[in-house]
Amino acid sequence: MRAAVLLEPGRIELQERPVPRPDPGDVLIRVSAVGVCGSDTHYYRHGRIGEFVVEAPLVLGHEAAGTIVDVGEGVDRSRIGQRVSIEPQRPDPDSAETRRGHYNLCPHMRFYGTPPVDGALCDYVTIGAQFAHPVPDSMSDDAAALCEPLSVGIAATRKAGIGEGSRVLIAGAGPIGIVLAQVARAYGATDIVVTDPVEARRTQARSFGATEVLDPTAGPLPDLGVDAFIDASGAPSAITDGIRAVRPAGNVVLVGLGAETMELPVQVIQNRELVLTGVFRYADTWPTAIELVESGRVDLDAMVTARFPLERTAEALDSDRTPGSVKSVVTVS
């Protein structure tokens, strides 16, 4: 099979590799589409994200979909031919975190495209059968792949406690910010304020559900009194301003990856009894993601602004620098 392999920062090589065989409990998937994530571009350009360092050739890509073409021992062969969205995680079923239901926090996790685990920018991958989620015929391959970032949005929205009539502030109108605006709207939020310093991104946010957009560089945010603030920027200034915009007893959820440490307005958090938490990937989100797309309440296809064949993976990884880019997809097969 073909595989787009990261050999060193800035260098992708298309290689021929053996097709993997599904282990017991696994399925073999012919990959159809892979979304490009910010973490992919970071590995491509810098060779590391925090403590995760690329020390050997690595296949990137974790937002993926495809068709099951074979199954391992113990998996019903009727699954062959199913179109699926891939939840790119292999947690240890015996870890304390997995047993508690927090399998995304498993310390022994093997996650697609995270060193040293290869990802989905190749023709075939394997995954545990329970992490290959069947999708309806009405869902495109692109949308099936983008159920992964949608799952990040669902996990964050759940933690933010967003429901009917909620008022939410979202910092950052990149792909995750756009997903968050859509999920917040689907969950019943009536006021969805999105901040971003780039005017084009603010305009895009309006088309995906934002009821108000603000330029954070224009001055301090107004006293919004929102029920929840979700940061999808990772910018310390955005996080500080966002915390100050939350009403007493509200929620703050950090999604964007930014500085390892930063100053926080601790007295605001204490005096308002704010709940501040982070999001690391997701757990048990795919059924909701598929339902949101199938019902039309979230439009993932509209987020795709460019498509590339596997042979042009390097271009896909640099496409986020193109003005107007929201989400690029590598069409594998």
Protein backbone atom coordinates (compact mmCIF):
# COMPACT_ATOMS: atom_id res chain seq x y z
CA MET A 1 0.00 0.00 0.00
CA ARG A 2 0.97 3.67 -0.28
CA ALA A 3 1.82 5.67 2.83
CA ALA A 4 2.69 9.36 3.18
CA VAL A 5 5.58 9.23 5.65
CA LEU A 6 7.02 12.14 7.62
CA LEU A 7 10.80 11.59 7.55
CA GLU A 8 11.83 14.89 9.14
CA PRO A 9 10.23 18.31 9.63
CA GLY A 10 9.07 19.62 6.26
CA ARG A 11 9.71 16.36 4.40
CA ILE A 12 6.99 13.89 3.39
CA GLU A 13 7.82 10.86 1.24
CA LEU A 14 5.31 8.53 -0.43
CA GLN A 15 6.41 4.99 0.36
CA GLU A 16 5.22 1.47 -0.37
CA ARG A 17 4.44 -0.52 2.76
CA PRO A 18 2.83 -3.90 3.45
CA VAL A 19 -0.92 -3.90 3.98
CA PRO A 20 -1.52 -4.52 7.71
CA ARG A 21 -3.40 -7.61 8.87
CA PRO A 22 -6.24 -7.22 11.37
CA ASP A 23 -5.50 -8.72 14.77
CA PRO A 24 -8.25 -10.48 16.73
CA GLY A 25 -10.99 -7.94 17.47
CA ASP A 26 -9.76 -5.57 14.76
CA VAL A 27 -11.06 -4.53 11.36
CA LEU A 28 -9.03 -3.64 8.27
CA ILE A 29 -10.20 -0.40 6.64
CA ARG A 30 -9.50 0.94 3.17
CA VAL A 31 -9.07 4.64 3.88
CA SER A 32 -11.20 7.02 1.81
CA ALA A 33 -10.60 10.46 3.36
CA VAL A 34 -8.38 12.05 5.99
CA GLY A 35 -8.86 15.53 7.43
CA VAL A 36 -5.81 17.68 8.11
CA CYS A 37 -5.59 18.73 11.76
CA GLY A 38 -3.51 21.46 13.35
CA SER A 39 -1.55 18.80 15.22
CA ASP A 40 -0.61 17.20 11.88
CA THR A 41 0.72 20.50 10.57
CA HIS A 42 2.61 21.07 13.82
CA TYR A 43 4.36 17.69 13.61
CA TYR A 44 5.07 18.35 9.94
CA ARG A 45 6.69 21.73 10.57
CA HIS A 46 8.27 21.30 14.00
CA GLY A 47 8.59 17.55 14.61
CA ARG A 48 7.03 17.71 18.05
CA ILE A 49 4.09 18.84 20.18
CA GLY A 50 5.15 19.24 23.81
CA GLU A 51 6.38 15.91 25.10
CA PHE A 52 5.39 14.06 21.89
CA VAL A 53 8.48 14.05 19.65
CA VAL A 54 8.84 12.50 16.19
CA GLU A 55 11.98 10.38 16.52
CA ALA A 56 11.34 7.92 13.67
CA PRO A 57 9.45 7.95 10.33
CA LEU A 58 5.78 8.58 11.08
CA VAL A 59 2.51 8.45 9.16
CA LEU A 60 0.33 11.37 10.22
CA GLY A 61 -3.47 11.72 10.13
CA HIS A 62 -6.15 10.87 12.67
CA GLU A 63 -9.36 12.35 11.19
CA ALA A 64 -10.27 9.41 8.98
CA ALA A 65 -12.99 7.38 7.31
CA GLY A 66 -13.13 4.42 4.98
CA THR A 67 -14.64 1.02 4.23
CA ILE A 68 -14.08 -2.23 6.13
CA VAL A 69 -12.47 -4.77 3.80
CA ASP A 70 -11.48 -7.51 6.27
CA VAL A 71 -11.96 -8.45 9.91
CA GLY A 72 -9.91 -10.19 12.54
CA GLU A 73 -10.86 -13.20 14.62
CA GLY A 74 -13.96 -12.63 16.71
CA VAL A 75 -15.45 -9.91 14.49
CA ASP A 76 -18.63 -10.60 12.51
CA ARG A 77 -17.73 -10.88 8.83
CA SER A 78 -20.99 -9.15 7.94
CA ARG A 79 -19.16 -5.93 8.75
CA ILE A 80 -17.09 -6.26 5.57
CA GLY A 81 -18.27 -3.57 3.17
CA GLN A 82 -19.44 -1.14 5.88
CA ARG A 83 -18.51 2.50 5.48
CA VAL A 84 -17.18 3.75 8.80
CA SER A 85 -15.88 6.79 10.63
CA ILE A 86 -12.74 5.92 12.57
CA GLU A 87 -12.33 6.79 16.24
CA PRO A 88 -8.52 6.77 16.17
CA GLN A 89 -7.87 5.47 19.67
CA ARG A 90 -6.50 2.24 21.13
CA PRO A 91 -6.83 2.50 24.93
CA ASP A 92 -5.73 -0.24 27.29
CA PRO A 93 -9.01 -1.91 28.32
CA ASP A 94 -7.53 -2.79 31.72
CA SER A 95 -6.32 0.68 32.73
CA ALA A 96 -8.06 2.38 35.66
CA GLU A 97 -9.06 5.28 33.40
CA THR A 98 -10.70 2.99 30.84
CA ARG A 99 -12.54 1.07 33.53
CA ARG A 100 -13.89 4.37 34.90
CA GLY A 101 -15.17 5.30 31.43
CA HIS A 102 -12.46 7.90 30.78
CA TYR A 103 -10.70 5.82 28.16
CA ASN A 104 -9.47 8.96 26.39
CA LEU A 105 -7.21 9.57 29.42
CA CYS A 106 -5.69 6.08 29.37
CA PRO A 107 -1.94 6.45 30.04
CA HIS A 108 -1.22 3.58 27.66
CA MET A 109 -3.23 5.07 24.78
CA ARG A 110 -2.05 4.41 21.23
CA PHE A 111 -3.50 7.25 19.16
CA TYR A 112 -3.27 7.58 15.38
CA GLY A 113 -0.56 9.93 14.12
CA THR A 114 0.95 10.51 17.56
CA PRO A 115 4.57 9.36 17.95
CA PRO A 116 5.38 6.52 17.69
CA VAL A 117 1.97 5.35 16.37
CA ASP A 118 1.29 5.62 12.64
CA GLY A 119 -1.85 7.38 11.46
CA ALA A 120 -4.22 7.19 8.51
CA LEU A 121 -2.47 8.98 5.62
CA CYS A 122 -2.13 5.66 3.82
CA ASP A 123 -4.29 3.20 1.91
CA TYR A 124 -5.18 0.80 4.75
CA VAL A 125 -5.36 0.95 8.55
CA THR A 126 -6.56 -1.31 11.35
CA ILE A 127 -8.54 -0.35 14.44
CA GLY A 128 -10.54 -2.12 17.13
CA ALA A 129 -13.95 -3.06 15.73
CA GLN A 130 -15.78 -1.00 18.38
CA PHE A 131 -13.91 2.11 17.22
CA ALA A 132 -15.04 1.74 13.60
CA HIS A 133 -18.43 3.47 13.63
CA PRO A 134 -20.85 2.69 10.75
CA VAL A 135 -22.13 5.78 8.94
CA PRO A 136 -25.29 6.17 6.82
CA ASP A 137 -25.14 6.30 3.04
CA SER A 138 -26.25 9.92 3.22
CA MET A 139 -22.98 10.92 4.89
CA SER A 140 -20.04 11.83 2.65
CA ASP A 141 -16.56 10.40 3.15
CA ASP A 142 -15.36 13.89 4.08
CA ALA A 143 -18.01 14.28 6.77
CA ALA A 144 -17.33 10.79 8.10
CA ALA A 145 -13.66 11.74 8.52
CA LEU A 146 -14.52 15.04 10.19
CA CYS A 147 -16.60 13.32 12.86
CA GLU A 148 -13.25 13.34 14.72
CA PRO A 149 -12.95 17.13 15.19
CA LEU A 150 -16.71 17.22 15.67
CA SER A 151 -16.18 14.86 18.60
CA VAL A 152 -13.78 17.36 20.16
CA GLY A 153 -16.54 19.95 19.90
CA ILE A 154 -19.08 17.61 21.45
CA ALA A 155 -16.77 16.76 24.36
CA ALA A 156 -16.14 20.46 25.04
CA THR A 157 -19.81 21.42 24.74
CA ARG A 158 -20.78 18.71 27.19
CA LYS A 159 -18.22 19.94 29.72
CA ALA A 160 -19.40 23.52 29.23
CA GLY A 161 -22.92 22.48 30.21
CA ILE A 162 -24.48 24.14 27.17
CA GLY A 163 -28.21 23.56 26.73
CA GLU A 164 -31.42 25.28 25.73
CA GLY A 165 -31.10 29.05 26.03
CA SER A 166 -27.41 29.05 26.93
CA ARG A 167 -25.14 31.99 26.21
CA VAL A 168 -21.63 30.94 25.16
CA LEU A 169 -18.38 32.68 24.25
CA ILE A 170 -15.93 30.91 21.93
CA ALA A 171 -12.39 32.23 21.40
CA GLY A 172 -10.90 31.30 18.04
CA ALA A 173 -12.69 30.79 14.72
CA GLY A 174 -10.47 28.08 13.30
CA PRO A 175 -11.83 24.61 12.49
CA ILE A 176 -12.53 23.72 16.14
CA GLY A 177 -14.10 27.11 16.84
CA ILE A 178 -16.35 26.65 13.79
CA VAL A 179 -17.32 23.17 15.00
CA LEU A 180 -18.01 24.51 18.50
CA ALA A 181 -20.33 27.20 17.13
CA GLN A 182 -22.30 24.57 15.24
CA VAL A 183 -22.52 22.18 18.19
CA ALA A 184 -23.53 24.96 20.58
CA ARG A 185 -26.33 25.93 18.21
CA ALA A 186 -27.40 22.28 17.90
CA TYR A 187 -27.49 21.98 21.70
CA GLY A 188 -29.82 24.96 21.97
CA ALA A 189 -27.55 27.93 22.69
CA THR A 190 -29.28 31.16 21.74
CA ASP A 191 -26.31 33.54 22.02
CA ILE A 192 -23.06 32.35 20.44
CA VAL A 193 -20.30 34.97 20.56
CA VAL A 194 -17.09 34.16 18.66
CA THR A 195 -13.87 36.15 18.88
CA ASP A 196 -11.01 36.07 16.39
CA PRO A 197 -8.49 38.71 15.29
CA VAL A 198 -8.90 37.78 11.60
CA GLU A 199 -11.89 39.41 9.91
CA ALA A 200 -12.35 36.64 7.34
CA ARG A 201 -12.59 34.07 10.11
CA ARG A 202 -15.14 36.14 11.99
CA THR A 203 -17.23 36.29 8.81
CA GLN A 204 -16.99 32.50 8.43
CA ALA A 205 -18.06 32.05 12.05
CA ARG A 206 -21.30 33.91 11.34
CA SER A 207 -22.14 31.51 8.53
CA PHE A 208 -21.70 28.57 10.91
CA GLY A 209 -23.94 29.74 13.74
CA ALA A 210 -22.27 32.64 15.55
CA THR A 211 -24.84 35.24 16.55
CA GLU A 212 -22.16 37.84 17.29
CA VAL A 213 -18.48 38.17 16.40
CA LEU A 214 -15.89 40.36 18.07
CA ASP A 215 -12.33 41.44 17.29
CA PRO A 216 -10.32 40.75 20.48
CA THR A 217 -7.62 43.21 19.39
CA ALA A 218 -10.09 46.11 19.30
CA GLY A 219 -10.11 46.45 23.08
CA PRO A 220 -11.34 44.66 26.21
CA LEU A 221 -14.37 42.43 25.76
CA PRO A 222 -17.67 43.87 26.98
CA ASP A 223 -19.26 42.47 30.13
CA LEU A 224 -20.94 39.55 28.38
CA GLY A 225 -22.04 37.51 31.40
CA VAL A 226 -22.07 34.29 29.39
CA ASP A 227 -22.94 30.92 30.89
CA ALA A 228 -19.85 29.29 29.43
CA PHE A 229 -16.56 30.18 27.78
CA ILE A 230 -14.76 27.72 25.52
CA ASP A 231 -11.27 28.57 24.36
CA ALA A 232 -10.23 27.21 20.98
CA SER A 233 -7.30 29.58 20.51
CA GLY A 234 -4.71 28.70 23.12
CA ALA A 235 -3.89 32.43 23.42
CA PRO A 236 -3.28 33.51 27.04
CA SER A 237 -4.90 36.91 26.52
CA ALA A 238 -8.00 35.31 25.01
CA ILE A 239 -8.29 32.91 27.92
CA THR A 240 -7.97 35.67 30.51
CA ASP A 241 -10.54 37.87 28.76
CA GLY A 242 -12.87 34.91 28.30
CA ILE A 243 -12.78 33.96 31.98
CA ARG A 244 -13.70 37.52 32.94
CA ALA A 245 -16.71 37.35 30.58
CA VAL A 246 -18.35 34.41 32.43
CA ARG A 247 -21.18 34.92 34.92
CA PRO A 248 -20.92 33.61 38.49
CA ALA A 249 -21.10 29.79 38.71
CA GLY A 250 -20.37 29.49 34.99
CA ASN A 251 -18.05 27.11 33.16
CA VAL A 252 -14.70 27.56 31.42
CA VAL A 253 -13.40 24.87 29.06
CA LEU A 254 -9.90 24.97 27.57
CA VAL A 255 -9.56 23.20 24.21
CA GLY A 256 -6.88 25.12 22.29
CA LEU A 257 -3.24 24.13 22.76
CA GLY A 258 -1.10 27.09 23.70
CA ALA A 259 1.52 27.94 26.29
CA GLU A 260 2.51 25.25 28.77
CA THR A 261 1.90 27.71 31.61
CA MET A 262 0.09 31.03 31.85
CA GLU A 263 -1.27 33.50 34.39
CA LEU A 264 -4.96 33.23 35.24
CA PRO A 265 -7.31 35.67 37.04
CA VAL A 266 -7.53 33.46 40.12
CA GLN A 267 -9.62 35.87 42.18
CA VAL A 268 -12.24 36.03 39.43
CA ILE A 269 -12.35 32.22 39.33
CA GLN A 270 -12.66 31.97 43.11
CA ASN A 271 -15.05 34.85 43.72
CA ARG A 272 -17.41 33.76 40.94
CA GLU A 273 -17.01 30.06 41.73
CA LEU A 274 -16.21 29.28 38.11
CA VAL A 275 -15.55 25.71 37.06
CA LEU A 276 -12.43 25.55 34.88
CA THR A 277 -11.48 22.37 33.08
CA GLY A 278 -9.70 21.09 30.01
CA VAL A 279 -10.60 18.74 27.19
CA PHE A 280 -8.27 15.99 25.99
CA ARG A 281 -9.74 14.30 22.91
CA TYR A 282 -13.12 12.62 23.64
CA ALA A 283 -14.98 9.55 24.84
CA ASP A 284 -18.31 8.11 23.70
CA THR A 285 -19.00 10.94 21.24
CA TRP A 286 -19.31 9.22 17.86
CA PRO A 287 -22.99 8.21 18.02
CA THR A 288 -23.86 11.84 18.82
CA ALA A 289 -21.55 13.13 16.08
CA ILE A 290 -23.11 10.90 13.44
CA GLU A 291 -26.64 11.86 14.53
CA LEU A 292 -25.84 15.59 14.43
CA VAL A 293 -24.53 15.29 10.87
CA GLU A 294 -27.29 12.97 9.65
CA SER A 295 -29.99 15.27 11.04
CA GLY A 296 -28.44 18.28 9.33
CA ARG A 297 -27.86 20.16 12.58
CA VAL A 298 -24.11 20.21 11.90
CA ASP A 299 -22.70 20.72 8.39
CA LEU A 300 -19.21 19.27 8.10
CA ASP A 301 -19.10 19.25 4.29
CA ALA A 302 -19.40 23.04 4.23
CA MET A 303 -16.17 23.28 6.24
CA VAL A 304 -14.08 21.58 3.55
CA THR A 305 -12.24 24.25 1.57
CA ALA A 306 -9.63 22.11 -0.25
CA ARG A 307 -9.00 18.50 -1.26
CA PHE A 308 -5.71 16.85 -2.15
CA PRO A 309 -4.70 13.37 -3.35
CA LEU A 310 -2.39 11.32 -1.13
CA GLU A 311 0.52 12.18 -3.43
CA ARG A 312 0.12 15.86 -2.46
CA THR A 313 0.01 15.34 1.30
CA ALA A 314 2.77 17.92 1.87
CA GLU A 315 0.65 20.56 0.11
CA ALA A 316 -2.34 19.57 2.20
CA LEU A 317 -0.31 20.02 5.39
CA ASP A 318 0.64 23.55 4.31
CA SER A 319 -2.82 24.52 3.05
CA ASP A 320 -3.87 26.11 6.34
CA ARG A 321 -1.75 29.09 5.30
CA THR A 322 -4.06 29.74 2.35
CA PRO A 323 -6.42 32.68 2.98
CA GLY A 324 -9.96 31.45 3.59
CA SER A 325 -8.88 27.92 4.47
CA VAL A 326 -11.03 26.15 7.05
CA LYS A 327 -10.45 22.43 6.60
CA SER A 328 -8.45 20.46 4.03
CA VAL A 329 -9.07 16.81 3.27
CA VAL A 330 -6.74 14.25 1.71
CA THR A 331 -8.73 12.00 -0.60
CA VAL A 332 -7.00 8.62 -0.35
CA SER A 333 -9.24 6.28 -2.36
